[in-house]
C-alpha atoms as a PDB file:
ATOM      1  CA  MET A   1       8.642  26.785 -22.963  1.00  0.00           C
ATOM      2  CA  GLY A   2       6.006  25.860 -20.425  1.00  0.00           C
ATOM      3  CA  VAL A   3       2.636  27.502 -19.920  1.00  0.00           C
ATOM      4  CA  LEU A   4       3.683  28.495 -16.388  1.00  0.00           C
ATOM      5  CA  ASP A   5       7.243  29.663 -17.048  1.00  0.00           C
ATOM      6  CA  GLY A   6       8.369  32.118 -14.381  1.00  0.00           C
ATOM      7  CA  GLN A   7       5.359  31.618 -12.136  1.00  0.00           C
ATOM      8  CA  VAL A   8       5.686  30.633  -8.473  1.00  0.00           C
ATOM      9  CA  ALA A   9       3.433  27.982  -6.966  1.00  0.00           C
ATOM     10  CA  ILE A  10       2.896  26.704  -3.435  1.00  0.00           C
ATOM     11  CA  VAL A  11       1.518  23.177  -3.024  1.00  0.00           C
ATOM     12  CA  THR A  12       0.511  22.140   0.480  1.00  0.00           C
ATOM     13  CA  GLY A  13       0.375  18.442   1.235  1.00  0.00           C
ATOM     14  CA  GLY A  14       2.964  17.998  -1.499  1.00  0.00           C
ATOM     15  CA  GLY A  15       4.759  14.978  -0.075  1.00  0.00           C
ATOM     16  CA  SER A  16       2.371  12.372  -1.447  1.00  0.00           C
ATOM     17  CA  GLY A  17      -0.820  11.697  -3.368  1.00  0.00           C
ATOM     18  CA  ILE A  18      -2.588  14.545  -5.147  1.00  0.00           C
ATOM     19  CA  GLY A  19      -0.100  17.144  -3.919  1.00  0.00           C
ATOM     20  CA  ARG A  20       2.934  15.297  -5.232  1.00  0.00           C
ATOM     21  CA  GLU A  21       1.382  14.698  -8.649  1.00  0.00           C
ATOM     22  CA  THR A  22       0.261  18.325  -8.880  1.00  0.00           C
ATOM     23  CA  ALA A  23       3.702  19.634  -7.925  1.00  0.00           C
ATOM     24  CA  LYS A  24       5.305  17.497 -10.630  1.00  0.00           C
ATOM     25  CA  MET A  25       2.863  18.733 -13.274  1.00  0.00           C
ATOM     26  CA  LEU A  26       3.290  22.377 -12.269  1.00  0.00           C
ATOM     27  CA  ALA A  27       7.066  22.063 -12.496  1.00  0.00           C
ATOM     28  CA  ALA A  28       6.804  20.344 -15.885  1.00  0.00           C
ATOM     29  CA  GLU A  29       5.012  23.463 -17.145  1.00  0.00           C
ATOM     30  CA  GLY A  30       7.848  25.695 -15.945  1.00  0.00           C
ATOM     31  CA  ALA A  31       6.652  26.851 -12.516  1.00  0.00           C
ATOM     32  CA  ASN A  32       8.952  27.293  -9.543  1.00  0.00           C
ATOM     33  CA  VAL A  33       7.241  25.023  -7.019  1.00  0.00           C
ATOM     34  CA  VAL A  34       7.386  25.220  -3.226  1.00  0.00           C
ATOM     35  CA  VAL A  35       6.363  21.822  -1.900  1.00  0.00           C
ATOM     36  CA  SER A  36       5.096  21.860   1.666  1.00  0.00           C
ATOM     37  CA  GLY A  37       3.974  19.317   4.241  1.00  0.00           C
ATOM     38  CA  ARG A  38       4.553  18.065   7.764  1.00  0.00           C
ATOM     39  CA  ARG A  39       7.237  15.447   7.011  1.00  0.00           C
ATOM     40  CA  GLN A  40      10.552  16.465   5.484  1.00  0.00           C
ATOM     41  CA  GLY A  41      11.393  13.082   3.963  1.00  0.00           C
ATOM     42  CA  PRO A  42       8.451  12.845   1.533  1.00  0.00           C
ATOM     43  CA  LEU A  43       8.921  16.505   0.583  1.00  0.00           C
ATOM     44  CA  ASP A  44      12.554  15.845  -0.317  1.00  0.00           C
ATOM     45  CA  GLU A  45      11.459  12.875  -2.412  1.00  0.00           C
ATOM     46  CA  THR A  46       9.003  15.033  -4.341  1.00  0.00           C
ATOM     47  CA  VAL A  47      11.651  17.681  -4.959  1.00  0.00           C
ATOM     48  CA  ALA A  48      14.125  15.029  -6.101  1.00  0.00           C
ATOM     49  CA  GLU A  49      11.611  13.690  -8.638  1.00  0.00           C
ATOM     50  CA  ILE A  50      11.003  17.190  -9.978  1.00  0.00           C
ATOM     51  CA  THR A  51      14.646  18.239 -10.216  1.00  0.00           C
ATOM     52  CA  SER A  52      15.704  14.950 -11.803  1.00  0.00           C
ATOM     53  CA  ALA A  53      13.150  15.667 -14.531  1.00  0.00           C
ATOM     54  CA  GLY A  54      14.610  19.147 -15.062  1.00  0.00           C
ATOM     55  CA  GLY A  55      12.074  21.090 -13.032  1.00  0.00           C
ATOM     56  CA  LYS A  56      12.504  23.630 -10.240  1.00  0.00           C
ATOM     57  CA  ALA A  57      11.282  22.944  -6.718  1.00  0.00           C
ATOM     58  CA  LEU A  58      12.101  23.606  -3.084  1.00  0.00           C
ATOM     59  CA  ALA A  59      10.813  21.870   0.024  1.00  0.00           C
ATOM     60  CA  ARG A  60       9.519  23.841   2.997  1.00  0.00           C
ATOM     61  CA  ARG A  61       8.149  22.013   6.004  1.00  0.00           C
ATOM     62  CA  ALA A  62       4.873  23.423   7.409  1.00  0.00           C
ATOM     63  CA  ASP A  63       2.114  22.023   9.573  1.00  0.00           C
ATOM     64  CA  MET A  64      -1.195  23.506   8.451  1.00  0.00           C
ATOM     65  CA  GLU A  65      -2.774  22.747  11.833  1.00  0.00           C
ATOM     66  CA  THR A  66      -0.642  25.370  13.566  1.00  0.00           C
ATOM     67  CA  GLU A  67      -1.422  29.072  13.792  1.00  0.00           C
ATOM     68  CA  THR A  68       2.009  30.156  12.553  1.00  0.00           C
ATOM     69  CA  ASP A  69       3.216  27.731   9.861  1.00  0.00           C
ATOM     70  CA  PRO A  70       0.721  28.637   7.106  1.00  0.00           C
ATOM     71  CA  VAL A  71       1.582  32.333   7.303  1.00  0.00           C
ATOM     72  CA  ALA A  72       5.305  31.607   7.639  1.00  0.00           C
ATOM     73  CA  LEU A  73       5.172  29.449   4.509  1.00  0.00           C
ATOM     74  CA  ALA A  74       3.594  32.256   2.504  1.00  0.00           C
ATOM     75  CA  GLU A  75       6.035  34.850   3.817  1.00  0.00           C
ATOM     76  CA  TRP A  76       9.062  32.629   3.130  1.00  0.00           C
ATOM     77  CA  THR A  77       7.911  32.018  -0.451  1.00  0.00           C
ATOM     78  CA  VAL A  78       7.465  35.729  -1.132  1.00  0.00           C
ATOM     79  CA  LYS A  79      10.854  36.476   0.435  1.00  0.00           C
ATOM     80  CA  THR A  80      12.544  33.747  -1.624  1.00  0.00           C
ATOM     81  CA  PHE A  81      10.881  34.337  -5.010  1.00  0.00           C
ATOM     82  CA  GLY A  82       9.317  37.791  -4.699  1.00  0.00           C
ATOM     83  CA  ARG A  83       5.820  36.620  -5.556  1.00  0.00           C
ATOM     84  CA  VAL A  84       3.181  33.885  -5.390  1.00  0.00           C
ATOM     85  CA  ASP A  85       1.130  33.252  -8.516  1.00  0.00           C
ATOM     86  CA  ILE A  86      -0.490  29.925  -7.677  1.00  0.00           C
ATOM     87  CA  LEU A  87      -1.637  28.455  -4.373  1.00  0.00           C
ATOM     88  CA  ILE A  88      -2.794  24.840  -4.228  1.00  0.00           C
ATOM     89  CA  ASN A  89      -4.500  24.142  -0.894  1.00  0.00           C
ATOM     90  CA  ASN A  90      -4.266  20.366  -0.774  1.00  0.00           C
ATOM     91  CA  ALA A  91      -3.098  19.472   2.755  1.00  0.00           C
ATOM     92  CA  GLY A  92      -5.633  17.856   5.035  1.00  0.00           C
ATOM     93  CA  HIS A  93      -6.663  14.773   6.933  1.00  0.00           C
ATOM     94  CA  SER A  94      -9.692  13.119   8.460  1.00  0.00           C
ATOM     95  CA  SER A  95     -10.364  11.465  11.813  1.00  0.00           C
ATOM     96  CA  THR A  96     -10.668   7.738  12.339  1.00  0.00           C
ATOM     97  CA  ILE A  97     -13.769   8.297  14.477  1.00  0.00           C
ATOM     98  CA  ARG A  98     -16.407   9.781  12.164  1.00  0.00           C
ATOM     99  CA  ALA A  99     -19.840   9.438  13.768  1.00  0.00           C
ATOM    100  CA  ILE A 100     -21.258  12.466  15.592  1.00  0.00           C
ATOM    101  CA  LEU A 101     -22.166  10.349  18.651  1.00  0.00           C
ATOM    102  CA  TRP A 102     -18.586   9.255  19.320  1.00  0.00           C
ATOM    103  CA  LEU A 103     -16.452  12.060  17.880  1.00  0.00           C
ATOM    104  CA  ARG A 104     -13.934  13.561  20.296  1.00  0.00           C
ATOM    105  CA  LYS A 105     -13.362  17.292  20.583  1.00  0.00           C
ATOM    106  CA  GLN A 106      -9.641  16.903  19.820  1.00  0.00           C
ATOM    107  CA  ASP A 107     -10.512  15.162  16.548  1.00  0.00           C
ATOM    108  CA  TRP A 108     -12.900  17.959  15.582  1.00  0.00           C
ATOM    109  CA  ASP A 109     -10.290  20.623  16.374  1.00  0.00           C
ATOM    110  CA  SER A 110      -7.512  18.836  14.474  1.00  0.00           C
ATOM    111  CA  VAL A 111      -9.535  18.200  11.309  1.00  0.00           C
ATOM    112  CA  LEU A 112     -10.991  21.716  11.190  1.00  0.00           C
ATOM    113  CA  ALA A 113      -7.542  23.251  11.754  1.00  0.00           C
ATOM    114  CA  ALA A 114      -5.860  21.316   8.943  1.00  0.00           C
ATOM    115  CA  ASN A 115      -8.658  21.440   6.376  1.00  0.00           C
ATOM    116  CA  LEU A 116     -10.235  24.856   6.991  1.00  0.00           C
ATOM    117  CA  THR A 117      -8.375  27.208   9.322  1.00  0.00           C
ATOM    118  CA  GLY A 118      -4.994  26.496   7.722  1.00  0.00           C
ATOM    119  CA  VAL A 119      -6.462  27.222   4.282  1.00  0.00           C
ATOM    120  CA  TYR A 120      -7.860  30.525   5.537  1.00  0.00           C
ATOM    121  CA  LEU A 121      -4.503  31.522   7.065  1.00  0.00           C
ATOM    122  CA  ILE A 122      -2.284  30.807   4.061  1.00  0.00           C
ATOM    123  CA  THR A 123      -4.820  32.179   1.583  1.00  0.00           C
ATOM    124  CA  GLN A 124      -5.116  35.430   3.527  1.00  0.00           C
ATOM    125  CA  ALA A 125      -1.317  35.627   3.640  1.00  0.00           C
ATOM    126  CA  VAL A 126      -0.754  35.247  -0.135  1.00  0.00           C
ATOM    127  CA  LEU A 127      -3.626  37.443  -1.338  1.00  0.00           C
ATOM    128  CA  PRO A 128      -1.935  40.848  -0.879  1.00  0.00           C
ATOM    129  CA  ASN A 129       1.032  39.749  -2.996  1.00  0.00           C
ATOM    130  CA  MET A 130      -1.229  38.329  -5.701  1.00  0.00           C
ATOM    131  CA  ILE A 131      -3.296  41.496  -5.803  1.00  0.00           C
ATOM    132  CA  GLU A 132      -0.143  43.622  -5.943  1.00  0.00           C
ATOM    133  CA  HIS A 133       1.043  41.683  -8.993  1.00  0.00           C
ATOM    134  CA  GLY A 134      -2.291  41.858 -10.791  1.00  0.00           C
ATOM    135  CA  GLY A 135      -3.754  38.438 -10.132  1.00  0.00           C
ATOM    136  CA  GLY A 136      -3.294  34.856  -9.072  1.00  0.00           C
ATOM    137  CA  THR A 137      -4.924  31.457  -8.954  1.00  0.00           C
ATOM    138  CA  ILE A 138      -6.025  29.679  -5.777  1.00  0.00           C
ATOM    139  CA  VAL A 139      -7.209  26.077  -6.061  1.00  0.00           C
ATOM    140  CA  THR A 140      -8.472  24.294  -2.970  1.00  0.00           C
ATOM    141  CA  VAL A 141      -8.985  20.542  -2.879  1.00  0.00           C
ATOM    142  CA  SER A 142     -12.220  20.097  -0.974  1.00  0.00           C
ATOM    143  CA  SER A 143     -14.229  16.861  -1.155  1.00  0.00           C
ATOM    144  CA  VAL A 144     -17.548  15.500  -2.289  1.00  0.00           C
ATOM    145  CA  ALA A 145     -18.090  15.078   1.463  1.00  0.00           C
ATOM    146  CA  GLY A 146     -18.526  18.852   1.563  1.00  0.00           C
ATOM    147  CA  ILE A 147     -21.707  18.639  -0.514  1.00  0.00           C
ATOM    148  CA  ARG A 148     -22.786  15.054   0.269  1.00  0.00           C
ATOM    149  CA  PRO A 149     -21.918  14.643   3.954  1.00  0.00           C
ATOM    150  CA  GLY A 150     -21.998  11.255   5.656  1.00  0.00           C
ATOM    151  CA  LEU A 151     -20.019   8.585   7.465  1.00  0.00           C
ATOM    152  CA  ILE A 152     -17.627   7.947   4.582  1.00  0.00           C
ATOM    153  CA  GLY A 153     -16.057  11.365   5.091  1.00  0.00           C
ATOM    154  CA  GLY A 154     -17.077  11.813   8.712  1.00  0.00           C
ATOM    155  CA  VAL A 155     -18.641  14.748  10.497  1.00  0.00           C
ATOM    156  CA  PRO A 156     -15.585  17.020  11.021  1.00  0.00           C
ATOM    157  CA  TYR A 157     -14.150  16.367   7.552  1.00  0.00           C
ATOM    158  CA  SER A 158     -17.497  17.016   5.867  1.00  0.00           C
ATOM    159  CA  ALA A 159     -17.964  20.240   7.811  1.00  0.00           C
ATOM    160  CA  ALA A 160     -14.439  21.440   7.027  1.00  0.00           C
ATOM    161  CA  LYS A 161     -14.711  20.642   3.332  1.00  0.00           C
ATOM    162  CA  ALA A 162     -18.026  22.465   3.121  1.00  0.00           C
ATOM    163  CA  GLY A 163     -16.340  25.398   4.829  1.00  0.00           C
ATOM    164  CA  VAL A 164     -13.458  25.680   2.368  1.00  0.00           C
ATOM    165  CA  ARG A 165     -15.888  25.493  -0.516  1.00  0.00           C
ATOM    166  CA  ASN A 166     -17.704  28.468   0.951  1.00  0.00           C
ATOM    167  CA  LEU A 167     -14.400  30.255   1.583  1.00  0.00           C
ATOM    168  CA  MET A 168     -13.343  29.888  -2.066  1.00  0.00           C
ATOM    169  CA  SER A 169     -16.726  31.170  -3.218  1.00  0.00           C
ATOM    170  CA  HIS A 170     -16.294  34.224  -1.000  1.00  0.00           C
ATOM    171  CA  ILE A 171     -12.810  34.937  -2.376  1.00  0.00           C
ATOM    172  CA  HIS A 172     -14.154  34.564  -5.915  1.00  0.00           C
ATOM    173  CA  SER A 173     -16.950  37.055  -5.314  1.00  0.00           C
ATOM    174  CA  GLU A 174     -14.788  39.563  -3.414  1.00  0.00           C
ATOM    175  CA  HIS A 175     -11.591  39.563  -5.473  1.00  0.00           C
ATOM    176  CA  ARG A 176     -12.354  38.395  -9.015  1.00  0.00           C
ATOM    177  CA  ASP A 177     -12.194  42.006 -10.238  1.00  0.00           C
ATOM    178  CA  LYS A 178      -8.575  42.119  -9.007  1.00  0.00           C
ATOM    179  CA  GLY A 179      -7.588  39.163 -11.187  1.00  0.00           C
ATOM    180  CA  ILE A 180      -7.890  36.549  -8.447  1.00  0.00           C
ATOM    181  CA  ARG A 181      -9.243  33.182  -9.572  1.00  0.00           C
ATOM    182  CA  ALA A 182     -10.570  30.912  -6.800  1.00  0.00           C
ATOM    183  CA  THR A 183     -11.503  27.335  -7.590  1.00  0.00           C
ATOM    184  CA  THR A 184     -12.789  24.417  -5.535  1.00  0.00           C
ATOM    185  CA  ILE A 185     -12.125  20.811  -6.576  1.00  0.00           C
ATOM    186  CA  LEU A 186     -14.489  18.303  -4.949  1.00  0.00           C
ATOM    187  CA  PRO A 187     -13.276  14.731  -5.500  1.00  0.00           C
ATOM    188  CA  ALA A 188     -14.931  11.591  -4.206  1.00  0.00           C
ATOM    189  CA  GLU A 189     -12.769   8.560  -3.456  1.00  0.00           C
ATOM    190  CA  VAL A 190      -9.144   8.913  -4.538  1.00  0.00           C
ATOM    191  CA  ASP A 191      -6.539   6.236  -3.822  1.00  0.00           C
ATOM    192  CA  THR A 192      -4.256   8.242  -1.503  1.00  0.00           C
ATOM    193  CA  PRO A 193      -2.664   7.653   1.934  1.00  0.00           C
ATOM    194  CA  ILE A 194      -5.545   9.473   3.696  1.00  0.00           C
ATOM    195  CA  LEU A 195      -7.616   6.308   3.196  1.00  0.00           C
ATOM    196  CA  ASP A 196      -5.466   4.508   5.759  1.00  0.00           C
ATOM    197  CA  ARG A 197      -7.148   6.592   8.482  1.00  0.00           C
ATOM    198  CA  ARG A 198     -10.607   5.308   7.656  1.00  0.00           C
ATOM    199  CA  PRO A 199     -12.442   3.113  10.174  1.00  0.00           C
ATOM    200  CA  LEU A 200     -12.280   0.380   7.521  1.00  0.00           C
ATOM    201  CA  PRO A 201      -9.269   1.023   5.257  1.00  0.00           C
ATOM    202  CA  PRO A 202     -10.204  -0.004   1.693  1.00  0.00           C
ATOM    203  CA  ASN A 203      -8.671  -3.193   0.324  1.00  0.00           C
ATOM    204  CA  GLU A 204      -7.103  -3.588  -3.122  1.00  0.00           C
ATOM    205  CA  LYS A 205     -10.440  -4.460  -4.733  1.00  0.00           C
ATOM    206  CA  ALA A 206     -12.044  -1.292  -3.381  1.00  0.00           C
ATOM    207  CA  ARG A 207      -9.101   0.892  -4.338  1.00  0.00           C
ATOM    208  CA  ALA A 208      -9.214  -0.452  -7.893  1.00  0.00           C
ATOM    209  CA  THR A 209     -12.525   1.369  -8.440  1.00  0.00           C
ATOM    210  CA  MET A 210     -11.215   4.724  -7.223  1.00  0.00           C
ATOM    211  CA  MET A 211      -9.743   7.727  -8.979  1.00  0.00           C
ATOM    212  CA  GLN A 212      -5.975   8.136  -8.866  1.00  0.00           C
ATOM    213  CA  PRO A 213      -4.041  11.194  -7.615  1.00  0.00           C
ATOM    214  CA  ASP A 214      -3.018  12.232 -11.116  1.00  0.00           C
ATOM    215  CA  ASP A 215      -6.684  12.369 -12.165  1.00  0.00           C
ATOM    216  CA  VAL A 216      -7.280  15.173  -9.679  1.00  0.00           C
ATOM    217  CA  ALA A 217      -3.924  16.774 -10.479  1.00  0.00           C
ATOM    218  CA  ARG A 218      -4.926  17.000 -14.140  1.00  0.00           C
ATOM    219  CA  ALA A 219      -8.123  18.827 -13.136  1.00  0.00           C
ATOM    220  CA  ILE A 220      -6.078  21.242 -11.032  1.00  0.00           C
ATOM    221  CA  MET A 221      -3.777  21.868 -13.993  1.00  0.00           C
ATOM    222  CA  LEU A 222      -6.734  22.722 -16.199  1.00  0.00           C
ATOM    223  CA  CYS A 223      -7.747  25.406 -13.714  1.00  0.00           C
ATOM    224  CA  VAL A 224      -4.299  26.999 -13.431  1.00  0.00           C
ATOM    225  CA  THR A 225      -3.343  26.867 -17.122  1.00  0.00           C
ATOM    226  CA  LEU A 226      -6.460  28.425 -18.615  1.00  0.00           C
ATOM    227  CA  PRO A 227      -6.028  32.030 -19.778  1.00  0.00           C
ATOM    228  CA  PRO A 228      -6.400  34.547 -16.922  1.00  0.00           C
ATOM    229  CA  ARG A 229      -9.673  35.743 -18.433  1.00  0.00           C
ATOM    230  CA  THR A 230     -11.350  32.439 -17.490  1.00  0.00           C
ATOM    231  CA  VAL A 231     -11.987  30.851 -14.092  1.00  0.00           C
ATOM    232  CA  ILE A 232     -13.454  27.462 -13.261  1.00  0.00           C
ATOM    233  CA  GLU A 233     -15.413  28.021 -10.080  1.00  0.00           C
ATOM    234  CA  GLU A 234     -15.942  24.380  -9.138  1.00  0.00           C
ATOM    235  CA  ILE A 235     -15.272  20.821 -10.322  1.00  0.00           C
ATOM    236  CA  VAL A 236     -16.975  17.737  -8.866  1.00  0.00           C
ATOM    237  CA  MET A 237     -15.146  14.467  -9.586  1.00  0.00           C
ATOM    238  CA  VAL A 238     -16.368  10.942  -8.866  1.00  0.00           C
ATOM    239  CA  PRO A 239     -15.319   7.418  -9.873  1.00  0.00           C
ATOM    240  CA  THR A 240     -17.222   6.072 -12.858  1.00  0.00           C
ATOM    241  CA  ILE A 241     -18.081   2.862 -10.978  1.00  0.00           C
ATOM    242  CA  GLN A 242     -19.846   3.203  -7.635  1.00  0.00           C
ATOM    243  CA  ARG A 243     -18.660   0.487  -5.260  1.00  0.00           C
ATOM    244  CA  ASP A 244     -20.648  -1.105  -2.432  1.00  0.00           C
ATOM    245  CA  MET A 245     -19.957   0.918   0.745  1.00  0.00           C
ATOM    246  CA  SER A 246     -22.375  -0.836   3.104  1.00  0.00           C
ATOM    247  CA  GLU A 247     -19.636  -2.437   5.201  1.00  0.00           C
ATOM    248  CA  ASP A 248     -17.690   0.833   5.351  1.00  0.00           C
ATOM    249  CA  LEU A 249     -20.773   2.576   6.720  1.00  0.00           C
ATOM    250  CA  ARG A 250     -21.440  -0.138   9.306  1.00  0.00           C
ATOM    251  CA  VAL A 251     -17.896   0.011  10.678  1.00  0.00           C
ATOM    252  CA  ALA A 252     -17.795   3.824  10.667  1.00  0.00           C
ATOM    253  CA  SER A 253     -21.063   4.123  12.581  1.00  0.00           C
ATOM    254  CA  ALA A 254     -19.636   2.058  15.453  1.00  0.00           C
ATOM    255  CA  MET A 255     -16.044   3.318  15.555  1.00  0.00           C
ATOM    256  CA  GLY A 256     -15.349   5.076  18.847  1.00  0.00           C
ATOM    257  CA  GLY A 257     -18.550   3.842  20.444  1.00  0.00           C
ATOM    258  CA  PRO A 258     -18.983   1.558  23.449  1.00  0.00           C
ATOM    259  CA  ARG A 259     -18.704  -1.650  21.415  1.00  0.00           C
ATOM    260  CA  SER A 260     -15.871  -0.688  19.066  1.00  0.00           C
END
């Protein structure tokens, strides 16, 4: 018997990194997991890992940048399973150009859509079902960039991650009396594929200092497996060892500019 037996969970960005590890842990605790992302292949791989271990999972492709996919994902899950108990907002990306002087409007729009607007759309879509069934847990993976903005995260990513933190706080204050738990996880550097989009992708030495996807997934699991009477409002996670980021900052400040 798992702690989450019979519950239904949606994990966005579930094809790799934090999302994949979280989906696997949710399924190991008995949840029916809907794994979502933009690319079908990685989603199928995640589902195969879960089912081979005896868990239950389905893949559903969705692009969180679009106006329709987030809502369609929520509606399909409710139609398929009848309910949504857990929503893990994990999908997101950053722009390669990060400095305010050189940032392009299309980069701003793309990052805000994936990291903030998509979270708003799918969260709004699942809330009525959660409220109808007496409660639910929403965990959004934000970033330390949302509270400590700078060139490492970049201007649109930092703004978006601050926005989702505020959004989760609003949901907590408005709907906690209906049994809705809203949590924000704010990790610093985690060794995931999103790092490949950085102006200076970290090398093996840099990545060795970072947190791993399952570290964040374990924090998410703490939030969703606590008794319904308890909510963790926010968790900030950072690597124990702080690496030298001076070269990262130098490259990021110039990326997209006249000399880059």
